[in-house]
Amino acid sequence: MVVEDNSRARQALTASISLQEGIQVTAEASNGVEAIRLIERHPPDIILMDLQMPVMDGLEATRAVKKNWPGIKIIALTMYPYYEPEALAAGADAFLVKGCSVSDVISAIHALFQNNEVDNFHP
């Protein structure tokens, strides 16, 4: 699942990820509330979570997801590197800064999917 309030960024992320064999984006959301509604119906394995969004931000959404669906892995994705401690404290399994390469995103997805014990993946 891709959770990102900027529709262009969300579409670009989804398109880039969908080109990878073995990875399927099953849902997209523009804020945390929308994401949780979608997760209730079809929980994904991994969420790419923007941290700065309206309605419910990514930190609050991460806390809610981890409380209710602890098996879902979350990759925090933000423009602000200084959010890393807060994102990890909220329960994010990995932290990436926007602008990183698609291969970094794919590597994080593979690492989390293949090894449920990956601690704070950093490319």
PDB file of N, CA and C in Angstrom:
ATOM      1  N   MET A   1       0.847  -1.177   0.000  1.00  0.00           N
ATOM      2  CA  MET A   1       0.000   0.000   0.000  1.00  0.00           C
ATOM      3  C   MET A   1       0.888   1.234   0.000  1.00  0.00           C
ATOM      4  N   VAL A   2       0.471   2.222  -0.765  1.00  0.00           N
ATOM      5  CA  VAL A   2       1.171   3.506  -0.806  1.00  0.00           C
ATOM      6  C   VAL A   2       0.249   4.556  -0.186  1.00  0.00           C
ATOM      7  N   VAL A   3       0.741   5.227   0.862  1.00  0.00           N
ATOM      8  CA  VAL A   3      -0.028   6.275   1.538  1.00  0.00           C
ATOM      9  C   VAL A   3       0.754   7.574   1.382  1.00  0.00           C
ATOM     10  N   GLU A   4       0.214   8.472   0.579  1.00  0.00           N
ATOM     11  CA  GLU A   4       0.895   9.723   0.210  1.00  0.00           C
ATOM     12  C   GLU A   4      -0.171  10.725  -0.200  1.00  0.00           C
ATOM     13  N   ASP A   5      -0.149  11.931   0.370  1.00  0.00           N
ATOM     14  CA  ASP A   5      -1.190  12.915   0.065  1.00  0.00           C
ATOM     15  C   ASP A   5      -1.003  13.587  -1.287  1.00  0.00           C
ATOM     16  N   ASN A   6       0.207  13.632  -1.800  1.00  0.00           N
ATOM     17  CA  ASN A   6       0.447  14.245  -3.108  1.00  0.00           C
ATOM     18  C   ASN A   6       0.125  13.217  -4.189  1.00  0.00           C
ATOM     19  N   SER A   7      -0.921  13.482  -4.973  1.00  0.00           N
ATOM     20  CA  SER A   7      -1.388  12.482  -5.943  1.00  0.00           C
ATOM     21  C   SER A   7      -0.327  12.142  -6.994  1.00  0.00           C
ATOM     22  N   ARG A   8       0.436  13.134  -7.446  1.00  0.00           N
ATOM     23  CA  ARG A   8       1.490  12.847  -8.432  1.00  0.00           C
ATOM     24  C   ARG A   8       2.575  11.957  -7.847  1.00  0.00           C
ATOM     25  N   ALA A   9       2.995  12.274  -6.632  1.00  0.00           N
ATOM     26  CA  ALA A   9       4.022  11.458  -5.967  1.00  0.00           C
ATOM     27  C   ALA A   9       3.494  10.048  -5.723  1.00  0.00           C
ATOM     28  N   ARG A  10       2.230   9.948  -5.306  1.00  0.00           N
ATOM     29  CA  ARG A  10       1.624   8.635  -5.056  1.00  0.00           C
ATOM     30  C   ARG A  10       1.567   7.810  -6.336  1.00  0.00           C
ATOM     31  N   GLN A  11       1.152   8.426  -7.420  1.00  0.00           N
ATOM     32  CA  GLN A  11       1.073   7.721  -8.705  1.00  0.00           C
ATOM     33  C   GLN A  11       2.455   7.319  -9.202  1.00  0.00           C
ATOM     34  N   ALA A  12       3.433   8.184  -9.035  1.00  0.00           N
ATOM     35  CA  ALA A  12       4.795   7.874  -9.474  1.00  0.00           C
ATOM     36  C   ALA A  12       5.372   6.720  -8.666  1.00  0.00           C
ATOM     37  N   LEU A  13       5.174   6.746  -7.352  1.00  0.00           N
ATOM     38  CA  LEU A  13       5.649   5.661  -6.497  1.00  0.00           C
ATOM     39  C   LEU A  13       4.989   4.337  -6.881  1.00  0.00           C
ATOM     40  N   THR A  14       3.676   4.382  -7.041  1.00  0.00           N
ATOM     41  CA  THR A  14       2.928   3.179  -7.404  1.00  0.00           C
ATOM     42  C   THR A  14       3.413   2.628  -8.740  1.00  0.00           C
ATOM     43  N   ALA A  15       3.592   3.503  -9.721  1.00  0.00           N
ATOM     44  CA  ALA A  15       4.047   3.060 -11.043  1.00  0.00           C
ATOM     45  C   ALA A  15       5.435   2.447 -10.965  1.00  0.00           C
ATOM     46  N   SER A  16       6.338   3.090 -10.250  1.00  0.00           N
ATOM     47  CA  SER A  16       7.712   2.585 -10.132  1.00  0.00           C
ATOM     48  C   SER A  16       7.763   1.232  -9.432  1.00  0.00           C
ATOM     49  N   ILE A  17       7.015   1.118  -8.364  1.00  0.00           N
ATOM     50  CA  ILE A  17       7.012  -0.124  -7.594  1.00  0.00           C
ATOM     51  C   ILE A  17       6.350  -1.245  -8.381  1.00  0.00           C
ATOM     52  N   SER A  18       5.273  -0.919  -9.081  1.00  0.00           N
ATOM     53  CA  SER A  18       4.523  -1.929  -9.822  1.00  0.00           C
ATOM     54  C   SER A  18       5.319  -2.549 -10.957  1.00  0.00           C
ATOM     55  N   LEU A  19       6.357  -1.871 -11.404  1.00  0.00           N
ATOM     56  CA  LEU A  19       7.199  -2.409 -12.473  1.00  0.00           C
ATOM     57  C   LEU A  19       8.096  -3.544 -11.984  1.00  0.00           C
ATOM     58  N   GLN A  20       8.214  -3.678 -10.676  1.00  0.00           N
ATOM     59  CA  GLN A  20       9.096  -4.684 -10.097  1.00  0.00           C
ATOM     60  C   GLN A  20       8.391  -6.036 -10.024  1.00  0.00           C
ATOM     61  N   GLU A  21       9.063  -7.058 -10.468  1.00  0.00           N
ATOM     62  CA  GLU A  21       8.498  -8.398 -10.418  1.00  0.00           C
ATOM     63  C   GLU A  21       8.334  -8.827  -8.959  1.00  0.00           C
ATOM     64  N   GLY A  22       7.192  -9.395  -8.652  1.00  0.00           N
ATOM     65  CA  GLY A  22       6.942  -9.909  -7.322  1.00  0.00           C
ATOM     66  C   GLY A  22       6.399  -8.892  -6.339  1.00  0.00           C
ATOM     67  N   ILE A  23       6.231  -7.646  -6.765  1.00  0.00           N
ATOM     68  CA  ILE A  23       5.673  -6.618  -5.883  1.00  0.00           C
ATOM     69  C   ILE A  23       4.412  -6.071  -6.533  1.00  0.00           C
ATOM     70  N   GLN A  24       3.344  -6.017  -5.753  1.00  0.00           N
ATOM     71  CA  GLN A  24       2.081  -5.497  -6.257  1.00  0.00           C
ATOM     72  C   GLN A  24       1.543  -4.461  -5.282  1.00  0.00           C
ATOM     73  N   VAL A  25       1.214  -3.286  -5.791  1.00  0.00           N
ATOM     74  CA  VAL A  25       0.579  -2.264  -4.958  1.00  0.00           C
ATOM     75  C   VAL A  25      -0.916  -2.591  -4.953  1.00  0.00           C
ATOM     76  N   THR A  26      -1.426  -2.934  -3.774  1.00  0.00           N
ATOM     77  CA  THR A  26      -2.816  -3.372  -3.675  1.00  0.00           C
ATOM     78  C   THR A  26      -3.780  -2.246  -3.335  1.00  0.00           C
ATOM     79  N   ALA A  27      -3.257  -1.122  -2.834  1.00  0.00           N
ATOM     80  CA  ALA A  27      -4.122  -0.002  -2.475  1.00  0.00           C
ATOM     81  C   ALA A  27      -3.300   1.268  -2.384  1.00  0.00           C
ATOM     82  N   GLU A  28      -4.010   2.391  -2.526  1.00  0.00           N
ATOM     83  CA  GLU A  28      -3.411   3.712  -2.380  1.00  0.00           C
ATOM     84  C   GLU A  28      -4.328   4.543  -1.496  1.00  0.00           C
ATOM     85  N   ALA A  29      -3.727   5.378  -0.666  1.00  0.00           N
ATOM     86  CA  ALA A  29      -4.504   6.269   0.194  1.00  0.00           C
ATOM     87  C   ALA A  29      -3.827   7.628   0.243  1.00  0.00           C
ATOM     88  N   SER A  30      -4.632   8.666   0.508  1.00  0.00           N
ATOM     89  CA  SER A  30      -4.089  10.021   0.535  1.00  0.00           C
ATOM     90  C   SER A  30      -3.901  10.562   1.952  1.00  0.00           C
ATOM     91  N   ASN A  31      -4.320   9.783   2.966  1.00  0.00           N
ATOM     92  CA  ASN A  31      -4.095  10.169   4.361  1.00  0.00           C
ATOM     93  C   ASN A  31      -4.255   8.945   5.255  1.00  0.00           C
ATOM     94  N   GLY A  32      -3.953   9.100   6.519  1.00  0.00           N
ATOM     95  CA  GLY A  32      -3.989   7.979   7.442  1.00  0.00           C
ATOM     96  C   GLY A  32      -5.365   7.382   7.658  1.00  0.00           C
ATOM     97  N   VAL A  33      -6.389   8.217   7.722  1.00  0.00           N
ATOM     98  CA  VAL A  33      -7.754   7.716   7.922  1.00  0.00           C
ATOM     99  C   VAL A  33      -8.167   6.830   6.748  1.00  0.00           C
ATOM    100  N   GLU A  34      -7.902   7.305   5.548  1.00  0.00           N
ATOM    101  CA  GLU A  34      -8.218   6.533   4.343  1.00  0.00           C
ATOM    102  C   GLU A  34      -7.438   5.211   4.340  1.00  0.00           C
ATOM    103  N   ALA A  35      -6.185   5.268   4.734  1.00  0.00           N
ATOM    104  CA  ALA A  35      -5.357   4.060   4.774  1.00  0.00           C
ATOM    105  C   ALA A  35      -5.949   3.034   5.738  1.00  0.00           C
ATOM    106  N   ILE A  36      -6.326   3.471   6.926  1.00  0.00           N
ATOM    107  CA  ILE A  36      -6.875   2.545   7.920  1.00  0.00           C
ATOM    108  C   ILE A  36      -8.171   1.919   7.425  1.00  0.00           C
ATOM    109  N   ARG A  37      -9.010   2.688   6.768  1.00  0.00           N
ATOM    110  CA  ARG A  37     -10.247   2.130   6.194  1.00  0.00           C
ATOM    111  C   ARG A  37      -9.927   1.027   5.183  1.00  0.00           C
ATOM    112  N   LEU A  38      -8.919   1.271   4.357  1.00  0.00           N
ATOM    113  CA  LEU A  38      -8.527   0.268   3.362  1.00  0.00           C
ATOM    114  C   LEU A  38      -7.890  -0.959   4.022  1.00  0.00           C
ATOM    115  N   ILE A  39      -7.093  -0.736   5.045  1.00  0.00           N
ATOM    116  CA  ILE A  39      -6.437  -1.845   5.747  1.00  0.00           C
ATOM    117  C   ILE A  39      -7.478  -2.744   6.406  1.00  0.00           C
ATOM    118  N   GLU A  40      -8.539  -2.165   6.940  1.00  0.00           N
ATOM    119  CA  GLU A  40      -9.597  -2.956   7.575  1.00  0.00           C
ATOM    120  C   GLU A  40     -10.183  -3.970   6.598  1.00  0.00           C
ATOM    121  N   ARG A  41     -10.273  -3.615   5.345  1.00  0.00           N
ATOM    122  CA  ARG A  41     -10.836  -4.514   4.327  1.00  0.00           C
ATOM    123  C   ARG A  41      -9.814  -5.486   3.774  1.00  0.00           C
ATOM    124  N   HIS A  42      -8.611  -4.998   3.491  1.00  0.00           N
ATOM    125  CA  HIS A  42      -7.566  -5.827   2.872  1.00  0.00           C
ATOM    126  C   HIS A  42      -6.195  -5.417   3.408  1.00  0.00           C
ATOM    127  N   PRO A  43      -5.767  -5.996   4.518  1.00  0.00           N
ATOM    128  CA  PRO A  43      -4.468  -5.618   5.083  1.00  0.00           C
ATOM    129  C   PRO A  43      -3.315  -5.970   4.135  1.00  0.00           C
ATOM    130  N   PRO A  44      -2.440  -5.006   3.854  1.00  0.00           N
ATOM    131  CA  PRO A  44      -1.277  -5.279   3.004  1.00  0.00           C
ATOM    132  C   PRO A  44      -0.143  -5.873   3.842  1.00  0.00           C
ATOM    133  N   ASP A  45       0.875  -6.359   3.181  1.00  0.00           N
ATOM    134  CA  ASP A  45       2.066  -6.844   3.876  1.00  0.00           C
ATOM    135  C   ASP A  45       2.936  -5.678   4.332  1.00  0.00           C
ATOM    136  N   ILE A  46       3.041  -4.664   3.443  1.00  0.00           N
ATOM    137  CA  ILE A  46       3.945  -3.535   3.680  1.00  0.00           C
ATOM    138  C   ILE A  46       3.246  -2.240   3.262  1.00  0.00           C
ATOM    139  N   ILE A  47       3.503  -1.180   4.022  1.00  0.00           N
ATOM    140  CA  ILE A  47       2.961   0.142   3.689  1.00  0.00           C
ATOM    141  C   ILE A  47       4.120   1.119   3.523  1.00  0.00           C
ATOM    142  N   LEU A  48       4.096   1.873   2.434  1.00  0.00           N
ATOM    143  CA  LEU A  48       4.980   3.034   2.276  1.00  0.00           C
ATOM    144  C   LEU A  48       4.174   4.210   2.806  1.00  0.00           C
ATOM    145  N   MET A  49       4.618   4.798   3.914  1.00  0.00           N
ATOM    146  CA  MET A  49       3.829   5.799   4.619  1.00  0.00           C
ATOM    147  C   MET A  49       4.500   7.163   4.620  1.00  0.00           C
ATOM    148  N   ASP A  50       3.859   8.115   3.935  1.00  0.00           N
ATOM    149  CA  ASP A  50       4.303   9.506   4.033  1.00  0.00           C
ATOM    150  C   ASP A  50       4.029   9.957   5.464  1.00  0.00           C
ATOM    151  N   LEU A  51       4.829  10.861   5.980  1.00  0.00           N
ATOM    152  CA  LEU A  51       4.629  11.303   7.356  1.00  0.00           C
ATOM    153  C   LEU A  51       3.829  12.594   7.461  1.00  0.00           C
ATOM    154  N   GLN A  52       3.915  13.460   6.465  1.00  0.00           N
ATOM    155  CA  GLN A  52       3.217  14.740   6.501  1.00  0.00           C
ATOM    156  C   GLN A  52       1.994  14.671   5.596  1.00  0.00           C
ATOM    157  N   MET A  53       0.808  14.487   6.202  1.00  0.00           N
ATOM    158  CA  MET A  53      -0.441  14.402   5.447  1.00  0.00           C
ATOM    159  C   MET A  53      -1.549  15.081   6.238  1.00  0.00           C
ATOM    160  N   PRO A  54      -2.584  15.534   5.541  1.00  0.00           N
ATOM    161  CA  PRO A  54      -3.737  16.110   6.240  1.00  0.00           C
ATOM    162  C   PRO A  54      -4.601  15.000   6.854  1.00  0.00           C
ATOM    163  N   VAL A  55      -5.572  15.380   7.628  1.00  0.00           N
ATOM    164  CA  VAL A  55      -6.566  14.516   8.272  1.00  0.00           C
ATOM    165  C   VAL A  55      -5.933  13.665   9.379  1.00  0.00           C
ATOM    166  N   MET A  56      -5.059  12.717   9.009  1.00  0.00           N
ATOM    167  CA  MET A  56      -4.283  11.938   9.976  1.00  0.00           C
ATOM    168  C   MET A  56      -2.894  11.767   9.393  1.00  0.00           C
ATOM    169  N   ASP A  57      -1.888  12.270  10.106  1.00  0.00           N
ATOM    170  CA  ASP A  57      -0.530  12.199   9.570  1.00  0.00           C
ATOM    171  C   ASP A  57       0.031  10.776   9.665  1.00  0.00           C
ATOM    172  N   GLY A  58       1.178  10.584   9.075  1.00  0.00           N
ATOM    173  CA  GLY A  58       1.782   9.261   9.002  1.00  0.00           C
ATOM    174  C   GLY A  58       2.248   8.709  10.336  1.00  0.00           C
ATOM    175  N   LEU A  59       2.631   9.577  11.259  1.00  0.00           N
ATOM    176  CA  LEU A  59       3.053   9.106  12.577  1.00  0.00           C
ATOM    177  C   LEU A  59       1.864   8.518  13.340  1.00  0.00           C
ATOM    178  N   GLU A  60       0.763   9.240  13.341  1.00  0.00           N
ATOM    179  CA  GLU A  60      -0.443   8.764  14.017  1.00  0.00           C
ATOM    180  C   GLU A  60      -0.966   7.496  13.332  1.00  0.00           C
ATOM    181  N   ALA A  61      -0.949   7.487  12.005  1.00  0.00           N
ATOM    182  CA  ALA A  61      -1.404   6.306  11.262  1.00  0.00           C
ATOM    183  C   ALA A  61      -0.501   5.106  11.546  1.00  0.00           C
ATOM    184  N   THR A  62       0.805   5.336  11.630  1.00  0.00           N
ATOM    185  CA  THR A  62       1.742   4.250  11.934  1.00  0.00           C
ATOM    186  C   THR A  62       1.436   3.658  13.302  1.00  0.00           C
ATOM    187  N   ARG A  63       1.225   4.511  14.292  1.00  0.00           N
ATOM    188  CA  ARG A  63       0.890   4.021  15.632  1.00  0.00           C
ATOM    189  C   ARG A  63      -0.397   3.186  15.612  1.00  0.00           C
ATOM    190  N   ALA A  64      -1.413   3.660  14.888  1.00  0.00           N
ATOM    191  CA  ALA A  64      -2.694   2.940  14.810  1.00  0.00           C
ATOM    192  C   ALA A  64      -2.530   1.595  14.101  1.00  0.00           C
ATOM    193  N   VAL A  65      -1.777   1.583  13.012  1.00  0.00           N
ATOM    194  CA  VAL A  65      -1.566   0.336  12.269  1.00  0.00           C
ATOM    195  C   VAL A  65      -0.829  -0.669  13.140  1.00  0.00           C
ATOM    196  N   LYS A  66       0.239  -0.239  13.784  1.00  0.00           N
ATOM    197  CA  LYS A  66       1.033  -1.148  14.609  1.00  0.00           C
ATOM    198  C   LYS A  66       0.243  -1.673  15.812  1.00  0.00           C
ATOM    199  N   LYS A  67      -0.659  -0.858  16.334  1.00  0.00           N
ATOM    200  CA  LYS A  67      -1.492  -1.294  17.459  1.00  0.00           C
ATOM    201  C   LYS A  67      -2.481  -2.369  17.015  1.00  0.00           C
ATOM    202  N   ASN A  68      -3.103  -2.169  15.863  1.00  0.00           N
ATOM    203  CA  ASN A  68      -4.177  -3.049  15.403  1.00  0.00           C
ATOM    204  C   ASN A  68      -3.735  -4.162  14.467  1.00  0.00           C
ATOM    205  N   TRP A  69      -2.646  -3.943  13.746  1.00  0.00           N
ATOM    206  CA  TRP A  69      -2.121  -4.931  12.790  1.00  0.00           C
ATOM    207  C   TRP A  69      -0.602  -4.985  12.939  1.00  0.00           C
ATOM    208  N   PRO A  70      -0.100  -5.530  14.034  1.00  0.00           N
ATOM    209  CA  PRO A  70       1.342  -5.483  14.295  1.00  0.00           C
ATOM    210  C   PRO A  70       2.198  -6.209  13.253  1.00  0.00           C
ATOM    211  N   GLY A  71       1.615  -7.094  12.475  1.00  0.00           N
ATOM    212  CA  GLY A  71       2.374  -7.825  11.457  1.00  0.00           C
ATOM    213  C   GLY A  71       2.635  -7.035  10.189  1.00  0.00           C
ATOM    214  N   ILE A  72       1.925  -5.930   9.995  1.00  0.00           N
ATOM    215  CA  ILE A  72       2.136  -5.103   8.805  1.00  0.00           C
ATOM    216  C   ILE A  72       3.431  -4.318   8.984  1.00  0.00           C
ATOM    217  N   LYS A  73       4.286  -4.371   7.978  1.00  0.00           N
ATOM    218  CA  LYS A  73       5.546  -3.624   7.998  1.00  0.00           C
ATOM    219  C   LYS A  73       5.312  -2.232   7.414  1.00  0.00           C
ATOM    220  N   ILE A  74       5.960  -1.233   8.000  1.00  0.00           N
ATOM    221  CA  ILE A  74       5.781   0.151   7.546  1.00  0.00           C
ATOM    222  C   ILE A  74       7.133   0.764   7.229  1.00  0.00           C
ATOM    223  N   ILE A  75       7.214   1.329   6.031  1.00  0.00           N
ATOM    224  CA  ILE A  75       8.384   2.097   5.613  1.00  0.00           C
ATOM    225  C   ILE A  75       7.972   3.565   5.642  1.00  0.00           C
ATOM    226  N   ALA A  76       8.521   4.321   6.578  1.00  0.00           N
ATOM    227  CA  ALA A  76       8.247   5.754   6.649  1.00  0.00           C
ATOM    228  C   ALA A  76       8.999   6.432   5.510  1.00  0.00           C
ATOM    229  N   LEU A  77       8.315   7.327   4.826  1.00  0.00           N
ATOM    230  CA  LEU A  77       8.888   8.016   3.674  1.00  0.00           C
ATOM    231  C   LEU A  77       8.582   9.506   3.822  1.00  0.00           C
ATOM    232  N   THR A  78       9.639  10.309   3.962  1.00  0.00           N
ATOM    233  CA  THR A  78       9.431  11.738   4.191  1.00  0.00           C
ATOM    234  C   THR A  78      10.564  12.554   3.589  1.00  0.00           C
ATOM    235  N   MET A  79      10.309  13.829   3.428  1.00  0.00           N
ATOM    236  CA  MET A  79      11.348  14.744   2.953  1.00  0.00           C
ATOM    237  C   MET A  79      12.269  15.173   4.083  1.00  0.00           C
ATOM    238  N   TYR A  80      11.891  14.875   5.316  1.00  0.00           N
ATOM    239  CA  TYR A  80      12.585  15.421   6.475  1.00  0.00           C
ATOM    240  C   TYR A  80      13.345  14.344   7.247  1.00  0.00           C
ATOM    241  N   PRO A  81      14.672  14.259   7.067  1.00  0.00           N
ATOM    242  CA  PRO A  81      15.453  13.216   7.732  1.00  0.00           C
ATOM    243  C   PRO A  81      15.385  13.271   9.253  1.00  0.00           C
ATOM    244  N   TYR A  82      15.136  14.455   9.818  1.00  0.00           N
ATOM    245  CA  TYR A  82      15.098  14.590  11.272  1.00  0.00           C
ATOM    246  C   TYR A  82      13.876  13.920  11.904  1.00  0.00           C
ATOM    247  N   TYR A  83      12.925  13.427  11.099  1.00  0.00           N
ATOM    248  CA  TYR A  83      11.771  12.693  11.613  1.00  0.00           C
ATOM    249  C   TYR A  83      12.086  11.231  11.934  1.00  0.00           C
ATOM    250  N   GLU A  84      13.291  10.782  11.590  1.00  0.00           N
ATOM    251  CA  GLU A  84      13.602   9.363  11.753  1.00  0.00           C
ATOM    252  C   GLU A  84      13.372   8.839  13.178  1.00  0.00           C
ATOM    253  N   PRO A  85      13.903   9.479  14.221  1.00  0.00           N
ATOM    254  CA  PRO A  85      13.675   8.930  15.568  1.00  0.00           C
ATOM    255  C   PRO A  85      12.192   8.830  15.925  1.00  0.00           C
ATOM    256  N   GLU A  86      11.428   9.856  15.551  1.00  0.00           N
ATOM    257  CA  GLU A  86      10.000   9.872  15.848  1.00  0.00           C
ATOM    258  C   GLU A  86       9.265   8.787  15.061  1.00  0.00           C
ATOM    259  N   ALA A  87       9.634   8.597  13.796  1.00  0.00           N
ATOM    260  CA  ALA A  87       8.996   7.569  12.967  1.00  0.00           C
ATOM    261  C   ALA A  87       9.277   6.178  13.517  1.00  0.00           C
ATOM    262  N   LEU A  88      10.515   5.930  13.902  1.00  0.00           N
ATOM    263  CA  LEU A  88      10.878   4.627  14.449  1.00  0.00           C
ATOM    264  C   LEU A  88      10.206   4.396  15.800  1.00  0.00           C
ATOM    265  N   ALA A  89      10.102   5.450  16.606  1.00  0.00           N
ATOM    266  CA  ALA A  89       9.417   5.347  17.896  1.00  0.00           C
ATOM    267  C   ALA A  89       7.925   5.053  17.699  1.00  0.00           C
ATOM    268  N   ALA A  90       7.349   5.551  16.614  1.00  0.00           N
ATOM    269  CA  ALA A  90       5.933   5.304  16.317  1.00  0.00           C
ATOM    270  C   ALA A  90       5.698   3.872  15.833  1.00  0.00           C
ATOM    271  N   GLY A  91       6.788   3.196  15.438  1.00  0.00           N
ATOM    272  CA  GLY A  91       6.651   1.807  15.012  1.00  0.00           C
ATOM    273  C   GLY A  91       7.086   1.509  13.595  1.00  0.00           C
ATOM    274  N   ALA A  92       7.581   2.514  12.879  1.00  0.00           N
ATOM    275  CA  ALA A  92       8.048   2.263  11.509  1.00  0.00           C
ATOM    276  C   ALA A  92       9.181   1.236  11.535  1.00  0.00           C
ATOM    277  N   ASP A  93       9.175   0.344  10.553  1.00  0.00           N
ATOM    278  CA  ASP A  93      10.192  -0.702  10.455  1.00  0.00           C
ATOM    279  C   ASP A  93      11.392  -0.256   9.644  1.00  0.00           C
ATOM    280  N   ALA A  94      11.209   0.777   8.839  1.00  0.00           N
ATOM    281  CA  ALA A  94      12.286   1.318   8.014  1.00  0.00           C
ATOM    282  C   ALA A  94      12.005   2.792   7.789  1.00  0.00           C
ATOM    283  N   PHE A  95      13.023   3.538   7.413  1.00  0.00           N
ATOM    284  CA  PHE A  95      12.899   4.978   7.222  1.00  0.00           C
ATOM    285  C   PHE A  95      13.660   5.365   5.966  1.00  0.00           C
ATOM    286  N   LEU A  96      12.980   6.024   5.047  1.00  0.00           N
ATOM    287  CA  LEU A  96      13.612   6.502   3.818  1.00  0.00           C
ATOM    288  C   LEU A  96      13.288   7.976   3.630  1.00  0.00           C
ATOM    289  N   VAL A  97      14.235   8.702   3.055  1.00  0.00           N
ATOM    290  CA  VAL A  97      14.025  10.105   2.744  1.00  0.00           C
ATOM    291  C   VAL A  97      13.597  10.209   1.283  1.00  0.00           C
ATOM    292  N   LYS A  98      12.531  10.990   1.053  1.00  0.00           N
ATOM    293  CA  LYS A  98      12.056  11.182  -0.320  1.00  0.00           C
ATOM    294  C   LYS A  98      13.200  11.696  -1.179  1.00  0.00           C
ATOM    295  N   GLY A  99      13.242  11.209  -2.406  1.00  0.00           N
ATOM    296  CA  GLY A  99      14.329  11.555  -3.298  1.00  0.00           C
ATOM    297  C   GLY A  99      15.346  10.433  -3.381  1.00  0.00           C
ATOM    298  N   CYS A 100      15.216   9.441  -2.488  1.00  0.00           N
ATOM    299  CA  CYS A 100      16.100   8.279  -2.584  1.00  0.00           C
ATOM    300  C   CYS A 100      15.749   7.536  -3.872  1.00  0.00           C
ATOM    301  N   SER A 101      16.602   6.657  -4.300  1.00  0.00           N
ATOM    302  CA  SER A 101      16.362   5.947  -5.562  1.00  0.00           C
ATOM    303  C   SER A 101      15.242   4.921  -5.404  1.00  0.00           C
ATOM    304  N   VAL A 102      14.624   4.591  -6.521  1.00  0.00           N
ATOM    305  CA  VAL A 102      13.606   3.545  -6.537  1.00  0.00           C
ATOM    306  C   VAL A 102      14.218   2.232  -6.063  1.00  0.00           C
ATOM    307  N   SER A 103      15.484   2.009  -6.401  1.00  0.00           N
ATOM    308  CA  SER A 103      16.127   0.768  -5.960  1.00  0.00           C
ATOM    309  C   SER A 103      16.244   0.722  -4.440  1.00  0.00           C
ATOM    310  N   ASP A 104      16.412   1.874  -3.775  1.00  0.00           N
ATOM    311  CA  ASP A 104      16.423   1.902  -2.312  1.00  0.00           C
ATOM    312  C   ASP A 104      15.057   1.501  -1.751  1.00  0.00           C
ATOM    313  N   VAL A 105      14.003   2.016  -2.367  1.00  0.00           N
ATOM    314  CA  VAL A 105      12.641   1.672  -1.934  1.00  0.00           C
ATOM    315  C   VAL A 105      12.402   0.174  -2.134  1.00  0.00           C
ATOM    316  N   ILE A 106      12.769  -0.332  -3.290  1.00  0.00           N
ATOM    317  CA  ILE A 106      12.577  -1.757  -3.597  1.00  0.00           C
ATOM    318  C   ILE A 106      13.405  -2.614  -2.647  1.00  0.00           C
ATOM    319  N   SER A 107      14.634  -2.211  -2.369  1.00  0.00           N
ATOM    320  CA  SER A 107      15.484  -2.954  -1.430  1.00  0.00           C
ATOM    321  C   SER A 107      14.851  -3.020  -0.041  1.00  0.00           C
ATOM    322  N   ALA A 108      14.289  -1.910   0.409  1.00  0.00           N
ATOM    323  CA  ALA A 108      13.637  -1.879   1.721  1.00  0.00           C
ATOM    324  C   ALA A 108      12.420  -2.803   1.736  1.00  0.00           C
ATOM    325  N   ILE A 109      11.638  -2.773   0.658  1.00  0.00           N
ATOM    326  CA  ILE A 109      10.460  -3.648   0.566  1.00  0.00           C
ATOM    327  C   ILE A 109      10.896  -5.113   0.622  1.00  0.00           C
ATOM    328  N   HIS A 110      11.878  -5.476  -0.181  1.00  0.00           N
ATOM    329  CA  HIS A 110      12.353  -6.861  -0.194  1.00  0.00           C
ATOM    330  C   HIS A 110      12.914  -7.274   1.167  1.00  0.00           C
ATOM    331  N   ALA A 111      13.685  -6.401   1.783  1.00  0.00           N
ATOM    332  CA  ALA A 111      14.278  -6.722   3.074  1.00  0.00           C
ATOM    333  C   ALA A 111      13.197  -6.984   4.127  1.00  0.00           C
ATOM    334  N   LEU A 112      12.183  -6.149   4.149  1.00  0.00           N
ATOM    335  CA  LEU A 112      11.118  -6.315   5.134  1.00  0.00           C
ATOM    336  C   LEU A 112      10.237  -7.511   4.823  1.00  0.00           C
ATOM    337  N   PHE A 113      10.011  -7.767   3.555  1.00  0.00           N
ATOM    338  CA  PHE A 113       9.150  -8.887   3.178  1.00  0.00           C
ATOM    339  C   PHE A 113       9.832 -10.224   3.444  1.00  0.00           C
ATOM    340  N   GLN A 114      11.127 -10.288   3.161  1.00  0.00           N
ATOM    341  CA  GLN A 114      11.850 -11.548   3.296  1.00  0.00           C
ATOM    342  C   GLN A 114      12.263 -11.836   4.726  1.00  0.00           C
ATOM    343  N   ASN A 115      12.436 -10.805   5.520  1.00  0.00           N
ATOM    344  CA  ASN A 115      12.929 -11.009   6.877  1.00  0.00           C
ATOM    345  C   ASN A 115      12.127 -10.161   7.840  1.00  0.00           C
ATOM    346  N   ASN A 116      11.203 -10.786   8.526  1.00  0.00           N
ATOM    347  CA  ASN A 116      10.333 -10.049   9.441  1.00  0.00           C
ATOM    348  C   ASN A 116      11.077  -9.439  10.613  1.00  0.00           C
ATOM    349  N   GLU A 117      12.348  -9.754  10.759  1.00  0.00           N
ATOM    350  CA  GLU A 117      13.124  -9.247  11.894  1.00  0.00           C
ATOM    351  C   GLU A 117      14.089  -8.130  11.492  1.00  0.00           C
ATOM    352  N   VAL A 118      13.963  -7.592  10.281  1.00  0.00           N
ATOM    353  CA  VAL A 118      14.858  -6.518   9.864  1.00  0.00           C
ATOM    354  C   VAL A 118      14.662  -5.322  10.790  1.00  0.00           C
ATOM    355  N   ASP A 119      15.715  -4.835  11.369  1.00  0.00           N
ATOM    356  CA  ASP A 119      15.634  -3.679  12.265  1.00  0.00           C
ATOM    357  C   ASP A 119      16.061  -2.420  11.548  1.00  0.00           C
ATOM    358  N   ASN A 120      15.125  -1.515  11.386  1.00  0.00           N
ATOM    359  CA  ASN A 120      15.419  -0.162  10.905  1.00  0.00           C
ATOM    360  C   ASN A 120      16.314  -0.165   9.674  1.00  0.00           C
ATOM    361  N   PHE A 121      15.826  -0.757   8.607  1.00  0.00           N
ATOM    362  CA  PHE A 121      16.563  -0.823   7.355  1.00  0.00           C
ATOM    363  C   PHE A 121      17.053   0.553   6.930  1.00  0.00           C
ATOM    364  N   HIS A 122      18.286   0.634   6.545  1.00  0.00           N
ATOM    365  CA  HIS A 122      18.867   1.851   5.970  1.00  0.00           C
ATOM    366  C   HIS A 122      19.617   1.446   4.721  1.00  0.00           C
ATOM    367  N   PRO A 123      19.264   2.009   3.560  1.00  0.00           N
ATOM    368  CA  PRO A 123      20.007   1.650   2.334  1.00  0.00           C
ATOM    369  C   PRO A 123      21.419   2.215   2.371  1.00  0.00           C
TER     370      PRO A 123
END
